[in-house]
Amino acid sequence: MNDCLFCKIVSGKIPSYKIYEDENFLAFLDINPVNQGHTLVIPKKHSKNILEIDEETLKNLVIIVKELSIKIKTILKADGINIMINNELDAGQIIFHTHIHIIPRFANDNLKHWSGKKYKDNEAENIVEKIIEF
């Protein structure tokens, strides 16, 4: 994709702080990190997001994310790790190339999770039924 930022990083047209690269995948530091060590892991082959990526690539992507998460957590002495995937604009996806965020977390980093909502009467049951029937 000619206009895809991550494809330009893969091709070397845009520099990045690479922490992992093989024939099919690339991992680099996010240029606007939530915390130090915030990393993006991408397949080199373009796909829009997790809803469109082929299953074999996704399986291998997740294995790399796990391996890098262990390294990042250990080296940075992080207290935890968030692994995030934003899919579609309204879910926070900004770059439309499949990518997984590895975000080191620290006890006093003041980052807050989103607040939850309660289901209304029979709402959960209805959703379960629709998903199962799909």
C-alpha atoms as a PDB file:
ATOM      1  CA  MET A   1       0.000   0.000   0.000  1.00  0.00           C
ATOM      2  CA  ASN A   2       1.630   3.208  -1.172  1.00  0.00           C
ATOM      3  CA  ASP A   3       0.058   5.461   1.467  1.00  0.00           C
ATOM      4  CA  CYS A   4       0.378   3.121   4.460  1.00  0.00           C
ATOM      5  CA  LEU A   5       2.760   4.485   7.105  1.00  0.00           C
ATOM      6  CA  PHE A   6       3.731   1.024   8.340  1.00  0.00           C
ATOM      7  CA  CYS A   7       4.352  -0.271   4.812  1.00  0.00           C
ATOM      8  CA  LYS A   8       6.716   2.689   4.372  1.00  0.00           C
ATOM      9  CA  ILE A   9       8.504   1.682   7.574  1.00  0.00           C
ATOM     10  CA  VAL A  10       8.766  -1.914   6.316  1.00  0.00           C
ATOM     11  CA  SER A  11      10.230  -0.721   3.003  1.00  0.00           C
ATOM     12  CA  GLY A  12      12.733   1.558   4.749  1.00  0.00           C
ATOM     13  CA  LYS A  13      11.242   4.775   3.362  1.00  0.00           C
ATOM     14  CA  ILE A  14      10.546   5.940   6.914  1.00  0.00           C
ATOM     15  CA  PRO A  15      13.038   5.217   9.725  1.00  0.00           C
ATOM     16  CA  SER A  16      12.070   3.430  12.922  1.00  0.00           C
ATOM     17  CA  TYR A  17      13.627   2.173  16.128  1.00  0.00           C
ATOM     18  CA  LYS A  18      13.583  -1.526  15.248  1.00  0.00           C
ATOM     19  CA  ILE A  19      13.782  -4.030  18.061  1.00  0.00           C
ATOM     20  CA  TYR A  20      12.927  -7.158  16.033  1.00  0.00           C
ATOM     21  CA  GLU A  21      12.851  -8.095  12.371  1.00  0.00           C
ATOM     22  CA  ASP A  22      12.608 -11.296  10.402  1.00  0.00           C
ATOM     23  CA  GLU A  23      11.391 -12.190   6.927  1.00  0.00           C
ATOM     24  CA  ASN A  24       7.716 -11.629   7.762  1.00  0.00           C
ATOM     25  CA  PHE A  25       7.502  -9.377  10.821  1.00  0.00           C
ATOM     26  CA  LEU A  26       8.841  -6.147  12.244  1.00  0.00           C
ATOM     27  CA  ALA A  27       8.710  -4.665  15.751  1.00  0.00           C
ATOM     28  CA  PHE A  28       9.651  -1.102  16.564  1.00  0.00           C
ATOM     29  CA  LEU A  29       9.194   1.485  19.288  1.00  0.00           C
ATOM     30  CA  ASP A  30       6.044   3.591  19.087  1.00  0.00           C
ATOM     31  CA  ILE A  31       7.006   7.215  18.360  1.00  0.00           C
ATOM     32  CA  ASN A  32       4.313   8.418  20.810  1.00  0.00           C
ATOM     33  CA  PRO A  33       4.728   5.884  23.602  1.00  0.00           C
ATOM     34  CA  VAL A  34       2.298   5.439  26.458  1.00  0.00           C
ATOM     35  CA  ASN A  35       5.301   4.341  28.533  1.00  0.00           C
ATOM     36  CA  GLN A  36       8.982   3.805  27.777  1.00  0.00           C
ATOM     37  CA  GLY A  37       9.375   0.659  25.657  1.00  0.00           C
ATOM     38  CA  HIS A  38       5.885   0.857  24.069  1.00  0.00           C
ATOM     39  CA  THR A  39       6.357  -1.347  21.007  1.00  0.00           C
ATOM     40  CA  LEU A  40       4.386  -2.039  17.841  1.00  0.00           C
ATOM     41  CA  VAL A  41       4.580  -5.463  16.234  1.00  0.00           C
ATOM     42  CA  ILE A  42       3.428  -5.739  12.628  1.00  0.00           C
ATOM     43  CA  PRO A  43       3.347  -8.246   9.803  1.00  0.00           C
ATOM     44  CA  LYS A  44       5.299  -6.999   6.819  1.00  0.00           C
ATOM     45  CA  LYS A  45       2.502  -8.162   4.525  1.00  0.00           C
ATOM     46  CA  HIS A  46      -0.228  -5.536   4.569  1.00  0.00           C
ATOM     47  CA  SER A  47      -3.642  -6.264   6.033  1.00  0.00           C
ATOM     48  CA  LYS A  48      -6.018  -3.662   7.425  1.00  0.00           C
ATOM     49  CA  ASN A  49      -6.482  -5.168  10.901  1.00  0.00           C
ATOM     50  CA  ILE A  50      -7.081  -8.376  12.835  1.00  0.00           C
ATOM     51  CA  LEU A  51     -10.468  -8.766  11.148  1.00  0.00           C
ATOM     52  CA  GLU A  52      -8.749  -9.181   7.763  1.00  0.00           C
ATOM     53  CA  ILE A  53      -5.376 -10.811   8.508  1.00  0.00           C
ATOM     54  CA  ASP A  54      -4.880 -14.431   7.461  1.00  0.00           C
ATOM     55  CA  GLU A  55      -4.848 -16.931  10.318  1.00  0.00           C
ATOM     56  CA  GLU A  56      -1.323 -18.283   9.791  1.00  0.00           C
ATOM     57  CA  THR A  57       0.173 -14.792   9.906  1.00  0.00           C
ATOM     58  CA  LEU A  58      -1.877 -13.971  12.989  1.00  0.00           C
ATOM     59  CA  LYS A  59      -0.682 -17.098  14.800  1.00  0.00           C
ATOM     60  CA  ASN A  60       2.950 -16.239  14.140  1.00  0.00           C
ATOM     61  CA  LEU A  61       2.378 -12.584  15.041  1.00  0.00           C
ATOM     62  CA  VAL A  62       1.024 -13.549  18.465  1.00  0.00           C
ATOM     63  CA  ILE A  63       4.023 -15.808  19.141  1.00  0.00           C
ATOM     64  CA  ILE A  64       6.381 -12.906  18.427  1.00  0.00           C
ATOM     65  CA  VAL A  65       4.301 -10.589  20.623  1.00  0.00           C
ATOM     66  CA  LYS A  66       4.613 -13.061  23.507  1.00  0.00           C
ATOM     67  CA  GLU A  67       8.391 -13.397  23.107  1.00  0.00           C
ATOM     68  CA  LEU A  68       8.911  -9.633  22.896  1.00  0.00           C
ATOM     69  CA  SER A  69       6.561  -8.996  25.819  1.00  0.00           C
ATOM     70  CA  ILE A  70       8.697 -11.202  28.050  1.00  0.00           C
ATOM     71  CA  LYS A  71      11.869  -9.401  26.957  1.00  0.00           C
ATOM     72  CA  ILE A  72      10.386  -5.919  27.336  1.00  0.00           C
ATOM     73  CA  LYS A  73       8.880  -6.649  30.756  1.00  0.00           C
ATOM     74  CA  THR A  74      12.141  -8.139  32.003  1.00  0.00           C
ATOM     75  CA  ILE A  75      14.535  -5.533  30.612  1.00  0.00           C
ATOM     76  CA  LEU A  76      12.431  -2.543  31.685  1.00  0.00           C
ATOM     77  CA  LYS A  77      11.482  -4.152  35.011  1.00  0.00           C
ATOM     78  CA  ALA A  78       7.835  -3.434  34.209  1.00  0.00           C
ATOM     79  CA  ASP A  79       5.160  -4.459  36.685  1.00  0.00           C
ATOM     80  CA  GLY A  80       2.881  -5.646  33.891  1.00  0.00           C
ATOM     81  CA  ILE A  81       2.203  -5.559  30.175  1.00  0.00           C
ATOM     82  CA  ASN A  82      -0.853  -4.460  28.206  1.00  0.00           C
ATOM     83  CA  ILE A  83      -1.232  -6.108  24.812  1.00  0.00           C
ATOM     84  CA  MET A  84      -3.675  -4.172  22.682  1.00  0.00           C
ATOM     85  CA  ILE A  85      -5.144  -4.277  19.202  1.00  0.00           C
ATOM     86  CA  ASN A  86      -7.358  -1.437  17.992  1.00  0.00           C
ATOM     87  CA  ASN A  87      -9.588  -2.489  15.088  1.00  0.00           C
ATOM     88  CA  GLU A  88     -11.441   0.172  13.093  1.00  0.00           C
ATOM     89  CA  LEU A  89     -11.550   3.922  13.600  1.00  0.00           C
ATOM     90  CA  ASP A  90     -14.140   3.973  16.390  1.00  0.00           C
ATOM     91  CA  ALA A  91     -12.020   1.500  18.378  1.00  0.00           C
ATOM     92  CA  GLY A  92      -9.000   3.793  18.192  1.00  0.00           C
ATOM     93  CA  GLN A  93      -7.233   2.406  15.113  1.00  0.00           C
ATOM     94  CA  ILE A  94      -5.256   5.222  13.500  1.00  0.00           C
ATOM     95  CA  ILE A  95      -2.927   3.310  11.168  1.00  0.00           C
ATOM     96  CA  PHE A  96      -4.850   0.821   9.038  1.00  0.00           C
ATOM     97  CA  HIS A  97      -2.173  -1.870   8.953  1.00  0.00           C
ATOM     98  CA  THR A  98      -2.497  -4.760  11.408  1.00  0.00           C
ATOM     99  CA  HIS A  99      -0.442  -4.047  14.510  1.00  0.00           C
ATOM    100  CA  ILE A 100      -0.289  -5.098  18.128  1.00  0.00           C
ATOM    101  CA  HIS A 101       0.784  -2.751  20.894  1.00  0.00           C
ATOM    102  CA  ILE A 102       3.006  -4.040  23.689  1.00  0.00           C
ATOM    103  CA  ILE A 103       2.744  -1.472  26.479  1.00  0.00           C
ATOM    104  CA  PRO A 104       4.929  -1.881  29.558  1.00  0.00           C
ATOM    105  CA  ARG A 105       3.027  -0.930  32.705  1.00  0.00           C
ATOM    106  CA  PHE A 106       4.377   0.378  35.968  1.00  0.00           C
ATOM    107  CA  ALA A 107       2.681   0.544  39.360  1.00  0.00           C
ATOM    108  CA  ASN A 108       2.672   4.341  39.460  1.00  0.00           C
ATOM    109  CA  ASP A 109       2.242   5.227  35.777  1.00  0.00           C
ATOM    110  CA  ASN A 110      -1.226   6.726  36.430  1.00  0.00           C
ATOM    111  CA  LEU A 111      -2.760   5.094  33.351  1.00  0.00           C
ATOM    112  CA  LYS A 112      -6.401   4.199  33.862  1.00  0.00           C
ATOM    113  CA  HIS A 113      -8.453   1.484  32.215  1.00  0.00           C
ATOM    114  CA  TRP A 114     -11.804   2.266  30.668  1.00  0.00           C
ATOM    115  CA  SER A 115     -14.836   2.033  32.929  1.00  0.00           C
ATOM    116  CA  GLY A 116     -17.203  -0.895  32.569  1.00  0.00           C
ATOM    117  CA  LYS A 117     -20.982  -0.887  32.175  1.00  0.00           C
ATOM    118  CA  LYS A 118     -23.622  -3.216  33.568  1.00  0.00           C
ATOM    119  CA  TYR A 119     -25.889  -5.277  31.324  1.00  0.00           C
ATOM    120  CA  LYS A 120     -29.607  -4.513  31.438  1.00  0.00           C
ATOM    121  CA  ASP A 121     -32.142  -7.255  32.134  1.00  0.00           C
ATOM    122  CA  ASN A 122     -31.752 -10.158  29.655  1.00  0.00           C
ATOM    123  CA  GLU A 123     -29.266  -8.170  27.562  1.00  0.00           C
ATOM    124  CA  ALA A 124     -26.330 -10.527  28.180  1.00  0.00           C
ATOM    125  CA  GLU A 125     -28.426 -13.597  27.376  1.00  0.00           C
ATOM    126  CA  ASN A 126     -29.628 -12.020  24.129  1.00  0.00           C
ATOM    127  CA  ILE A 127     -26.104 -11.148  23.035  1.00  0.00           C
ATOM    128  CA  VAL A 128     -24.815 -14.642  23.832  1.00  0.00           C
ATOM    129  CA  GLU A 129     -27.649 -16.176  21.815  1.00  0.00           C
ATOM    130  CA  LYS A 130     -26.978 -13.935  18.785  1.00  0.00           C
ATOM    131  CA  ILE A 131     -23.245 -14.662  18.822  1.00  0.00           C
ATOM    132  CA  ILE A 132     -23.771 -18.412  19.098  1.00  0.00           C
ATOM    133  CA  GLU A 133     -26.344 -18.412  16.295  1.00  0.00           C
ATOM    134  CA  PHE A 134     -24.163 -16.364  13.908  1.00  0.00           C
END
